[in-house]
Amino acid sequence: GESYDAVIADCVALLRLAAETIGVPMLRFRGRECDP
């Protein structure tokens, strides 16, 4: 009963939660960075 905007918002929240949980400001992979 909810639009897929709601699950997109969940995804963004979970990326931020992962970073917050272990105390990192950025996501990183092989020299690339992303600010969640």
PDB file of all heavy atoms in Angstrom:
ATOM      1  N   GLY A   1       0.781  -1.220   0.000  1.00  0.00           N
ATOM      2  CA  GLY A   1       0.000   0.000   0.000  1.00  0.00           C
ATOM      3  C   GLY A   1       0.818   1.277   0.000  1.00  0.00           C
ATOM      4  O   GLY A   1       0.271   2.357   0.224  1.00  0.00           O
ATOM      5  N   GLU A   2       2.140   1.179  -0.252  1.00  0.00           N
ATOM      6  CA  GLU A   2       3.002   2.360  -0.244  1.00  0.00           C
ATOM      7  C   GLU A   2       3.780   2.446  -1.554  1.00  0.00           C
ATOM      8  O   GLU A   2       4.097   1.437  -2.176  1.00  0.00           O
ATOM      9  CB  GLU A   2       3.962   2.311   0.941  1.00  0.00           C
ATOM     10  CG  GLU A   2       3.251   2.284   2.299  1.00  0.00           C
ATOM     11  CD  GLU A   2       4.218   2.234   3.458  1.00  0.00           C
ATOM     12  OE1 GLU A   2       4.952   3.231   3.653  1.00  0.00           O
ATOM     13  OE2 GLU A   2       4.252   1.205   4.161  1.00  0.00           O
ATOM     14  N   SER A   3       4.113   3.668  -1.960  1.00  0.00           N
ATOM     15  CA  SER A   3       4.828   3.872  -3.212  1.00  0.00           C
ATOM     16  C   SER A   3       6.285   3.455  -3.068  1.00  0.00           C
ATOM     17  O   SER A   3       6.800   3.321  -1.958  1.00  0.00           O
ATOM     18  CB  SER A   3       4.776   5.348  -3.623  1.00  0.00           C
ATOM     19  OG  SER A   3       5.679   6.107  -2.835  1.00  0.00           O
ATOM     20  N   TYR A   4       6.955   3.305  -4.217  1.00  0.00           N
ATOM     21  CA  TYR A   4       8.346   2.880  -4.104  1.00  0.00           C
ATOM     22  C   TYR A   4       9.264   4.007  -3.684  1.00  0.00           C
ATOM     23  O   TYR A   4      10.425   3.788  -3.358  1.00  0.00           O
ATOM     24  CB  TYR A   4       8.795   2.113  -5.331  1.00  0.00           C
ATOM     25  CG  TYR A   4       9.251   2.847  -6.566  1.00  0.00           C
ATOM     26  CD1 TYR A   4      10.232   2.289  -7.370  1.00  0.00           C
ATOM     27  CD2 TYR A   4       8.696   4.051  -6.978  1.00  0.00           C
ATOM     28  CE1 TYR A   4      10.655   2.897  -8.540  1.00  0.00           C
ATOM     29  CE2 TYR A   4       9.103   4.662  -8.144  1.00  0.00           C
ATOM     30  CZ  TYR A   4      10.092   4.091  -8.920  1.00  0.00           C
ATOM     31  OH  TYR A   4      10.499   4.697 -10.077  1.00  0.00           O
ATOM     32  N   ASP A   5       8.755   5.223  -3.586  1.00  0.00           N
ATOM     33  CA  ASP A   5       9.526   6.285  -2.947  1.00  0.00           C
ATOM     34  C   ASP A   5       9.827   5.933  -1.492  1.00  0.00           C
ATOM     35  O   ASP A   5      10.870   6.328  -0.950  1.00  0.00           O
ATOM     36  CB  ASP A   5       8.769   7.609  -3.002  1.00  0.00           C
ATOM     37  CG  ASP A   5       8.695   8.176  -4.414  1.00  0.00           C
ATOM     38  OD1 ASP A   5       9.680   8.009  -5.163  1.00  0.00           O
ATOM     39  OD2 ASP A   5       7.665   8.761  -4.760  1.00  0.00           O
ATOM     40  N   ALA A   6       8.897   5.194  -0.848  1.00  0.00           N
ATOM     41  CA  ALA A   6       9.095   4.824   0.560  1.00  0.00           C
ATOM     42  C   ALA A   6      10.262   3.856   0.723  1.00  0.00           C
ATOM     43  O   ALA A   6      11.058   3.982   1.672  1.00  0.00           O
ATOM     44  CB  ALA A   6       7.818   4.211   1.130  1.00  0.00           C
ATOM     45  N   VAL A   7      10.408   2.898  -0.180  1.00  0.00           N
ATOM     46  CA  VAL A   7      11.527   1.961  -0.039  1.00  0.00           C
ATOM     47  C   VAL A   7      12.840   2.599  -0.495  1.00  0.00           C
ATOM     48  O   VAL A   7      13.911   2.227  -0.011  1.00  0.00           O
ATOM     49  CB  VAL A   7      11.264   0.614  -0.759  1.00  0.00           C
ATOM     50  CG1 VAL A   7      10.121  -0.135  -0.090  1.00  0.00           C
ATOM     51  CG2 VAL A   7      11.013   0.795  -2.241  1.00  0.00           C
ATOM     52  N   ILE A   8      12.769   3.576  -1.404  1.00  0.00           N
ATOM     53  CA  ILE A   8      13.976   4.345  -1.737  1.00  0.00           C
ATOM     54  C   ILE A   8      14.457   5.090  -0.497  1.00  0.00           C
ATOM     55  O   ILE A   8      15.659   5.103  -0.183  1.00  0.00           O
ATOM     56  CB  ILE A   8      13.701   5.320  -2.905  1.00  0.00           C
ATOM     57  CG1 ILE A   8      13.492   4.544  -4.207  1.00  0.00           C
ATOM     58  CG2 ILE A   8      14.850   6.315  -3.050  1.00  0.00           C
ATOM     59  CD1 ILE A   8      13.079   5.409  -5.383  1.00  0.00           C
ATOM     60  N   ALA A   9      13.520   5.706   0.234  1.00  0.00           N
ATOM     61  CA  ALA A   9      13.886   6.410   1.465  1.00  0.00           C
ATOM     62  C   ALA A   9      14.478   5.449   2.492  1.00  0.00           C
ATOM     63  O   ALA A   9      15.435   5.795   3.203  1.00  0.00           O
ATOM     64  CB  ALA A   9      12.662   7.123   2.039  1.00  0.00           C
ATOM     65  N   ASP A  10      13.943   4.224   2.575  1.00  0.00           N
ATOM     66  CA  ASP A  10      14.523   3.212   3.466  1.00  0.00           C
ATOM     67  C   ASP A  10      15.981   2.946   3.099  1.00  0.00           C
ATOM     68  O   ASP A  10      16.853   2.854   3.969  1.00  0.00           O
ATOM     69  CB  ASP A  10      13.751   1.890   3.350  1.00  0.00           C
ATOM     70  CG  ASP A  10      12.393   1.916   4.029  1.00  0.00           C
ATOM     71  OD1 ASP A  10      12.226   2.652   5.016  1.00  0.00           O
ATOM     72  OD2 ASP A  10      11.509   1.170   3.564  1.00  0.00           O
ATOM     73  N   CYS A  11      16.242   2.785   1.808  1.00  0.00           N
ATOM     74  CA  CYS A  11      17.606   2.476   1.354  1.00  0.00           C
ATOM     75  C   CYS A  11      18.585   3.561   1.779  1.00  0.00           C
ATOM     76  O   CYS A  11      19.677   3.277   2.302  1.00  0.00           O
ATOM     77  CB  CYS A  11      17.633   2.327  -0.165  1.00  0.00           C
ATOM     78  SG  CYS A  11      16.847   0.847  -0.816  1.00  0.00           S
ATOM     79  N   VAL A  12      18.212   4.799   1.553  1.00  0.00           N
ATOM     80  CA  VAL A  12      19.092   5.910   1.913  1.00  0.00           C
ATOM     81  C   VAL A  12      19.319   5.928   3.424  1.00  0.00           C
ATOM     82  O   VAL A  12      20.448   6.122   3.902  1.00  0.00           O
ATOM     83  CB  VAL A  12      18.494   7.238   1.417  1.00  0.00           C
ATOM     84  CG1 VAL A  12      19.335   8.418   1.909  1.00  0.00           C
ATOM     85  CG2 VAL A  12      18.409   7.251  -0.108  1.00  0.00           C
ATOM     86  N   ALA A  13      18.244   5.702   4.184  1.00  0.00           N
ATOM     87  CA  ALA A  13      18.365   5.686   5.646  1.00  0.00           C
ATOM     88  C   ALA A  13      19.300   4.582   6.113  1.00  0.00           C
ATOM     89  O   ALA A  13      20.085   4.767   7.054  1.00  0.00           O
ATOM     90  CB  ALA A  13      16.984   5.514   6.275  1.00  0.00           C
ATOM     91  N   LEU A  14      19.256   3.422   5.468  1.00  0.00           N
ATOM     92  CA  LEU A  14      20.102   2.302   5.880  1.00  0.00           C
ATOM     93  C   LEU A  14      21.571   2.546   5.552  1.00  0.00           C
ATOM     94  O   LEU A  14      22.459   2.136   6.312  1.00  0.00           O
ATOM     95  CB  LEU A  14      19.603   1.007   5.237  1.00  0.00           C
ATOM     96  CG  LEU A  14      18.277   0.478   5.801  1.00  0.00           C
ATOM     97  CD1 LEU A  14      17.746  -0.664   4.941  1.00  0.00           C
ATOM     98  CD2 LEU A  14      18.444   0.022   7.246  1.00  0.00           C
ATOM     99  N   LEU A  15      21.859   3.201   4.441  1.00  0.00           N
ATOM    100  CA  LEU A  15      23.246   3.547   4.141  1.00  0.00           C
ATOM    101  C   LEU A  15      23.793   4.489   5.204  1.00  0.00           C
ATOM    102  O   LEU A  15      24.927   4.323   5.689  1.00  0.00           O
ATOM    103  CB  LEU A  15      23.350   4.196   2.759  1.00  0.00           C
ATOM    104  CG  LEU A  15      23.705   3.270   1.592  1.00  0.00           C
ATOM    105  CD1 LEU A  15      22.642   2.198   1.397  1.00  0.00           C
ATOM    106  CD2 LEU A  15      23.893   4.075   0.309  1.00  0.00           C
ATOM    107  N   ARG A  16      22.992   5.474   5.583  1.00  0.00           N
ATOM    108  CA  ARG A  16      23.427   6.410   6.619  1.00  0.00           C
ATOM    109  C   ARG A  16      23.586   5.699   7.961  1.00  0.00           C
ATOM    110  O   ARG A  16      24.537   5.970   8.705  1.00  0.00           O
ATOM    111  CB  ARG A  16      22.416   7.553   6.723  1.00  0.00           C
ATOM    112  CG  ARG A  16      22.406   8.441   5.482  1.00  0.00           C
ATOM    113  CD  ARG A  16      21.268   9.437   5.474  1.00  0.00           C
ATOM    114  NE  ARG A  16      21.366  10.313   4.303  1.00  0.00           N
ATOM    115  CZ  ARG A  16      20.418  11.162   3.923  1.00  0.00           C
ATOM    116  NH1 ARG A  16      19.295  11.250   4.629  1.00  0.00           N
ATOM    117  NH2 ARG A  16      20.584  11.917   2.851  1.00  0.00           N
ATOM    118  N   LEU A  17      22.670   4.789   8.242  1.00  0.00           N
ATOM    119  CA  LEU A  17      22.722   4.055   9.502  1.00  0.00           C
ATOM    120  C   LEU A  17      23.996   3.217   9.595  1.00  0.00           C
ATOM    121  O   LEU A  17      24.640   3.153  10.651  1.00  0.00           O
ATOM    122  CB  LEU A  17      21.482   3.162   9.624  1.00  0.00           C
ATOM    123  CG  LEU A  17      21.376   2.310  10.885  1.00  0.00           C
ATOM    124  CD1 LEU A  17      21.292   3.188  12.123  1.00  0.00           C
ATOM    125  CD2 LEU A  17      20.156   1.392  10.785  1.00  0.00           C
ATOM    126  N   ALA A  18      24.376   2.564   8.496  1.00  0.00           N
ATOM    127  CA  ALA A  18      25.588   1.744   8.500  1.00  0.00           C
ATOM    128  C   ALA A  18      26.815   2.595   8.808  1.00  0.00           C
ATOM    129  O   ALA A  18      27.681   2.212   9.608  1.00  0.00           O
ATOM    130  CB  ALA A  18      25.749   1.034   7.155  1.00  0.00           C
ATOM    131  N   ALA A  19      26.891   3.766   8.167  1.00  0.00           N
ATOM    132  CA  ALA A  19      28.029   4.648   8.404  1.00  0.00           C
ATOM    133  C   ALA A  19      28.039   5.160   9.842  1.00  0.00           C
ATOM    134  O   ALA A  19      29.087   5.188  10.498  1.00  0.00           O
ATOM    135  CB  ALA A  19      27.993   5.817   7.417  1.00  0.00           C
ATOM    136  N   GLU A  20      26.873   5.566  10.338  1.00  0.00           N
ATOM    137  CA  GLU A  20      26.788   6.074  11.714  1.00  0.00           C
ATOM    138  C   GLU A  20      27.175   5.000  12.725  1.00  0.00           C
ATOM    139  O   GLU A  20      27.862   5.273  13.717  1.00  0.00           O
ATOM    140  CB  GLU A  20      25.358   6.544  11.994  1.00  0.00           C
ATOM    141  CG  GLU A  20      24.970   7.834  11.302  1.00  0.00           C
ATOM    142  CD  GLU A  20      23.497   8.152  11.500  1.00  0.00           C
ATOM    143  OE1 GLU A  20      22.748   7.252  11.961  1.00  0.00           O
ATOM    144  OE2 GLU A  20      23.083   9.288  11.188  1.00  0.00           O
ATOM    145  N   THR A  21      26.738   3.776  12.472  1.00  0.00           N
ATOM    146  CA  THR A  21      26.935   2.697  13.437  1.00  0.00           C
ATOM    147  C   THR A  21      28.401   2.415  13.695  1.00  0.00           C
ATOM    148  O   THR A  21      28.806   2.125  14.822  1.00  0.00           O
ATOM    149  CB  THR A  21      26.223   1.420  12.945  1.00  0.00           C
ATOM    150  OG1 THR A  21      24.808   1.678  12.854  1.00  0.00           O
ATOM    151  CG2 THR A  21      26.461   0.248  13.887  1.00  0.00           C
ATOM    152  N   ILE A  22      29.224   2.506  12.653  1.00  0.00           N
ATOM    153  CA  ILE A  22      30.647   2.214  12.849  1.00  0.00           C
ATOM    154  C   ILE A  22      31.498   3.475  12.832  1.00  0.00           C
ATOM    155  O   ILE A  22      32.730   3.397  12.854  1.00  0.00           O
ATOM    156  CB  ILE A  22      31.163   1.185  11.823  1.00  0.00           C
ATOM    157  CG1 ILE A  22      31.071   1.720  10.401  1.00  0.00           C
ATOM    158  CG2 ILE A  22      30.392  -0.125  11.955  1.00  0.00           C
ATOM    159  CD1 ILE A  22      31.789   0.834   9.398  1.00  0.00           C
ATOM    160  N   GLY A  23      30.837   4.640  12.781  1.00  0.00           N
ATOM    161  CA  GLY A  23      31.555   5.904  12.948  1.00  0.00           C
ATOM    162  C   GLY A  23      32.424   6.317  11.786  1.00  0.00           C
ATOM    163  O   GLY A  23      33.543   6.808  11.989  1.00  0.00           O
ATOM    164  N   VAL A  24      31.917   6.129  10.543  1.00  0.00           N
ATOM    165  CA  VAL A  24      32.688   6.583   9.377  1.00  0.00           C
ATOM    166  C   VAL A  24      31.888   7.663   8.639  1.00  0.00           C
ATOM    167  O   VAL A  24      30.663   7.595   8.558  1.00  0.00           O
ATOM    168  CB  VAL A  24      33.016   5.418   8.417  1.00  0.00           C
ATOM    169  CG1 VAL A  24      33.919   4.403   9.103  1.00  0.00           C
ATOM    170  CG2 VAL A  24      31.757   4.733   7.894  1.00  0.00           C
ATOM    171  N   PRO A  25      32.565   8.674   8.076  1.00  0.00           N
ATOM    172  CA  PRO A  25      31.848   9.740   7.380  1.00  0.00           C
ATOM    173  C   PRO A  25      31.535   9.431   5.932  1.00  0.00           C
ATOM    174  O   PRO A  25      30.687  10.081   5.319  1.00  0.00           O
ATOM    175  CB  PRO A  25      32.821  10.923   7.474  1.00  0.00           C
ATOM    176  CG  PRO A  25      34.173  10.282   7.481  1.00  0.00           C
ATOM    177  CD  PRO A  25      34.002   8.982   8.224  1.00  0.00           C
ATOM    178  N   MET A  26      32.241   8.451   5.354  1.00  0.00           N
ATOM    179  CA  MET A  26      32.118   8.169   3.927  1.00  0.00           C
ATOM    180  C   MET A  26      32.055   6.670   3.687  1.00  0.00           C
ATOM    181  O   MET A  26      32.616   5.880   4.461  1.00  0.00           O
ATOM    182  CB  MET A  26      33.319   8.732   3.157  1.00  0.00           C
ATOM    183  CG  MET A  26      33.585  10.209   3.349  1.00  0.00           C
ATOM    184  SD  MET A  26      32.391  11.263   2.497  1.00  0.00           S
ATOM    185  CE  MET A  26      33.033  11.187   0.816  1.00  0.00           C
ATOM    186  N   LEU A  27      31.395   6.278   2.589  1.00  0.00           N
ATOM    187  CA  LEU A  27      31.494   4.928   2.064  1.00  0.00           C
ATOM    188  C   LEU A  27      32.656   4.914   1.072  1.00  0.00           C
ATOM    189  O   LEU A  27      32.845   5.878   0.312  1.00  0.00           O
ATOM    190  CB  LEU A  27      30.198   4.518   1.376  1.00  0.00           C
ATOM    191  CG  LEU A  27      28.931   4.593   2.224  1.00  0.00           C
ATOM    192  CD1 LEU A  27      27.699   4.238   1.396  1.00  0.00           C
ATOM    193  CD2 LEU A  27      29.022   3.706   3.455  1.00  0.00           C
ATOM    194  N   ARG A  28      33.414   3.802   1.049  1.00  0.00           N
ATOM    195  CA  ARG A  28      34.607   3.771   0.203  1.00  0.00           C
ATOM    196  C   ARG A  28      34.740   2.427  -0.504  1.00  0.00           C
ATOM    197  O   ARG A  28      34.443   1.380   0.063  1.00  0.00           O
ATOM    198  CB  ARG A  28      35.861   4.022   1.041  1.00  0.00           C
ATOM    199  CG  ARG A  28      35.939   5.424   1.628  1.00  0.00           C
ATOM    200  CD  ARG A  28      37.243   5.642   2.395  1.00  0.00           C
ATOM    201  NE  ARG A  28      37.408   7.039   2.796  1.00  0.00           N
ATOM    202  CZ  ARG A  28      36.933   7.550   3.916  1.00  0.00           C
ATOM    203  NH1 ARG A  28      36.261   6.777   4.771  1.00  0.00           N
ATOM    204  NH2 ARG A  28      37.119   8.839   4.205  1.00  0.00           N
ATOM    205  N   PHE A  29      35.227   2.487  -1.757  1.00  0.00           N
ATOM    206  CA  PHE A  29      35.543   1.259  -2.491  1.00  0.00           C
ATOM    207  C   PHE A  29      36.630   1.553  -3.508  1.00  0.00           C
ATOM    208  O   PHE A  29      36.426   2.312  -4.462  1.00  0.00           O
ATOM    209  CB  PHE A  29      34.306   0.700  -3.193  1.00  0.00           C
ATOM    210  CG  PHE A  29      34.581  -0.576  -3.956  1.00  0.00           C
ATOM    211  CD1 PHE A  29      34.895  -1.755  -3.281  1.00  0.00           C
ATOM    212  CD2 PHE A  29      34.542  -0.604  -5.346  1.00  0.00           C
ATOM    213  CE1 PHE A  29      35.165  -2.931  -3.964  1.00  0.00           C
ATOM    214  CE2 PHE A  29      34.810  -1.780  -6.036  1.00  0.00           C
ATOM    215  CZ  PHE A  29      35.115  -2.943  -5.348  1.00  0.00           C
ATOM    216  N   ARG A  30      37.813   1.012  -3.276  1.00  0.00           N
ATOM    217  CA  ARG A  30      38.931   1.061  -4.219  1.00  0.00           C
ATOM    218  C   ARG A  30      39.190   2.472  -4.752  1.00  0.00           C
ATOM    219  O   ARG A  30      39.237   2.701  -5.967  1.00  0.00           O
ATOM    220  CB  ARG A  30      38.695   0.076  -5.364  1.00  0.00           C
ATOM    221  CG  ARG A  30      38.605  -1.363  -4.862  1.00  0.00           C
ATOM    222  CD  ARG A  30      38.660  -2.387  -5.957  1.00  0.00           C
ATOM    223  NE  ARG A  30      38.693  -3.733  -5.392  1.00  0.00           N
ATOM    224  CZ  ARG A  30      38.986  -4.825  -6.074  1.00  0.00           C
ATOM    225  NH1 ARG A  30      39.302  -4.736  -7.363  1.00  0.00           N
ATOM    226  NH2 ARG A  30      38.985  -6.014  -5.498  1.00  0.00           N
ATOM    227  N   GLY A  31      39.340   3.405  -3.829  1.00  0.00           N
ATOM    228  CA  GLY A  31      39.690   4.769  -4.205  1.00  0.00           C
ATOM    229  C   GLY A  31      38.515   5.674  -4.499  1.00  0.00           C
ATOM    230  O   GLY A  31      38.694   6.885  -4.677  1.00  0.00           O
ATOM    231  N   ARG A  32      37.307   5.130  -4.552  1.00  0.00           N
ATOM    232  CA  ARG A  32      36.110   5.955  -4.773  1.00  0.00           C
ATOM    233  C   ARG A  32      35.436   6.229  -3.439  1.00  0.00           C
ATOM    234  O   ARG A  32      35.436   5.385  -2.551  1.00  0.00           O
ATOM    235  CB  ARG A  32      35.125   5.245  -5.704  1.00  0.00           C
ATOM    236  CG  ARG A  32      35.713   4.821  -7.038  1.00  0.00           C
ATOM    237  CD  ARG A  32      34.713   3.970  -7.788  1.00  0.00           C
ATOM    238  NE  ARG A  32      35.328   3.289  -8.918  1.00  0.00           N
ATOM    239  CZ  ARG A  32      34.841   2.183  -9.465  1.00  0.00           C
ATOM    240  NH1 ARG A  32      33.745   1.626  -8.972  1.00  0.00           N
ATOM    241  NH2 ARG A  32      35.444   1.638 -10.495  1.00  0.00           N
ATOM    242  N   GLU A  33      34.807   7.395  -3.321  1.00  0.00           N
ATOM    243  CA  GLU A  33      34.135   7.770  -2.088  1.00  0.00           C
ATOM    244  C   GLU A  33      32.716   8.233  -2.366  1.00  0.00           C
ATOM    245  O   GLU A  33      32.418   8.763  -3.448  1.00  0.00           O
ATOM    246  CB  GLU A  33      34.901   8.890  -1.371  1.00  0.00           C
ATOM    247  CG  GLU A  33      36.239   8.461  -0.808  1.00  0.00           C
ATOM    248  CD  GLU A  33      36.860   9.533   0.065  1.00  0.00           C
ATOM    249  OE1 GLU A  33      36.478  10.722  -0.080  1.00  0.00           O
ATOM    250  OE2 GLU A  33      37.719   9.201   0.902  1.00  0.00           O
ATOM    251  N   CYS A  34      31.857   8.049  -1.376  1.00  0.00           N
ATOM    252  CA  CYS A  34      30.455   8.468  -1.467  1.00  0.00           C
ATOM    253  C   CYS A  34      30.010   8.927  -0.085  1.00  0.00           C
ATOM    254  O   CYS A  34      30.182   8.202   0.900  1.00  0.00           O
ATOM    255  CB  CYS A  34      29.588   7.307  -1.954  1.00  0.00           C
ATOM    256  SG  CYS A  34      27.809   7.662  -1.951  1.00  0.00           S
ATOM    257  N   ASP A  35      29.437  10.111  -0.026  1.00  0.00           N
ATOM    258  CA  ASP A  35      28.924  10.655   1.228  1.00  0.00           C
ATOM    259  C   ASP A  35      27.468  10.227   1.385  1.00  0.00           C
ATOM    260  O   ASP A  35      26.592  10.756   0.698  1.00  0.00           O
ATOM    261  CB  ASP A  35      29.034  12.178   1.205  1.00  0.00           C
ATOM    262  CG  ASP A  35      28.535  12.821   2.501  1.00  0.00           C
ATOM    263  OD1 ASP A  35      28.014  12.091   3.372  1.00  0.00           O
ATOM    264  OD2 ASP A  35      28.645  14.050   2.625  1.00  0.00           O
ATOM    265  N   PRO A  36      27.175   9.278   2.276  1.00  0.00           N
ATOM    266  CA  PRO A  36      25.788   8.807   2.402  1.00  0.00           C
ATOM    267  C   PRO A  36      24.863   9.842   3.028  1.00  0.00           C
ATOM    268  O   PRO A  36      23.639   9.711   2.938  1.00  0.00           O
ATOM    269  CB  PRO A  36      25.923   7.575   3.304  1.00  0.00           C
ATOM    270  CG  PRO A  36      27.144   7.847   4.124  1.00  0.00           C
ATOM    271  CD  PRO A  36      28.082   8.605   3.224  1.00  0.00           C
TER     272      PRO A  36
END
